[in-house]
Amino acid sequence: MAQITKMEDFVDLFYNPKRAGERITAFGNRFGGRYIAKVDQLTTTDADTKNVVFGANVFNFLNYNSELWQILEKRPSPRQTGFRMLAGEPVGTGATGLQETVEVSAGQTIASFVNLEWDMKWMDVAFGISEQDLWRGTVDDNVDEWSVLREHWGKKHVQGIDNFLGRAVNTVAQATFVIESLDRMISSSAEATFLVSSGGLTGATAADIYPYGIDLRRQGFAGTGFGNGPFDAIVDENAATLRPLTLDMLDGVIRQVELNQGNREGLIMVTGYDTADVISQRLEARQRFLTTTRMVNTLNGVQRVSDVGVAGGVDVMSYKGIPILRSRAIDNLAPAGGISPLYGIYREDCYIAVAMPTLYLETGQDDWLVLDRLRRKAAYVTAAELIFTRWNRSFKIRDLSV
């Protein structure tokens, strides 16, 4: 019998009276033979009703998107787990009438430099399967469950890191063992003040919402305007009172980035799907600003693409030349009745330090005695941390509504 590769051939074999012999060979009594074998009951009430299930494709309806992890640049973890920063402006005048220099030899002590230090965050996901289920996946025409599990948990591991990167600024419980979040990094003294005073952090202080286990000296500053502390990011907030997103807000934070020695070419914007739609609607009346920018995902995060040689990448919406990327994790930060915040990330100042790229580990039969189980276990492990070397060239607009 010829191999069946087309639906019309299958129908012909099933109904053509001249192919009765082939049909009997292929289907037998329709519940056995080459094409219909090893079946489950379709219902639990009729033992004579059968339906083929083994050997069917496994379809997955889960969303594994991991936008934040993809767009941020990854670098090998430096040998030093921290750095020193000069935070203050030089004050006073010297003999020539000019401001004093900031060199240590001119009176500034080493102690006046701020020391920042971080730890790597070791993030993992583990899963397992019994030896009996492993065996069942190799006989008859069962689903190879182990292969499905490996693919599923590998994607969930990356998605989990994405969710950590998208945690809210006042989520402090996991700060010591998962990667830092954009919302906690891109924050300000003014935001800290209202979050604590409003009861958003019961019994906590403003220091607790900030990364690396220190307050980055964000306490003690008035936070006027976009925040006047040396470790403040540019934050347009309204003390949790929602207000409509306007293009003037966007213009204001972009202008402040430029005043802080940044430029538009160094910025990318990240927001939720809802806020991206609102920006698009706001721009409909000002189409001259609604343009697309070609971007491509690389190991070093998203990069702009120029049309030299063979063009590649994907078109994303942009505002004043700054690409606007969307993230499911940021979409989850939308307050009740509002829309998700909008972040501007200055790429030169932000990266993910990787101490150990994702490692896959799996036990074998030799480990049964150690596990005290006839079982196989596996895990994905990644060691990384979100690093900012400067904050006042990144921005956030929060407390937004349509």
Foldseek 3Di string as FASTA:
>chain_A
DDDDDDPVVVVCCVPPPVNVVVVCQDQPVVCPHPPHYDWDAPDPPDPPHTDHDFQDDDDDPDDLDQQVLQFFFEDAFDPAQWDWAQQDDFDDADPVRHGQDPDVVRPDPPVNIDIAGADWAKAKDKDWDFPVVCVVCVDDRHPNVVVVVVVVVVSVRSSVLSLQQLDALLPQPCQRHHAHHPNQQQAALVQLVLCVVVCVPPPDHSQRSHHRSGNLPRPPFPCPQQHDGSSHAREAEDSLAADADAVVVVVVLQVQLVVVVHHQQQKAKEAAPVVVVVVVVNCPVVVVFWDWFFWAGDNGRIDGWDPDDPDDGDIATDGPPHGYHHDPSQQVCADVQAGGKMKMDRNVFKHKHWNDAKDKDKDDPVCCVVVVHSMIMMMIITIIYIGGPGRHNMYMYDSYHD
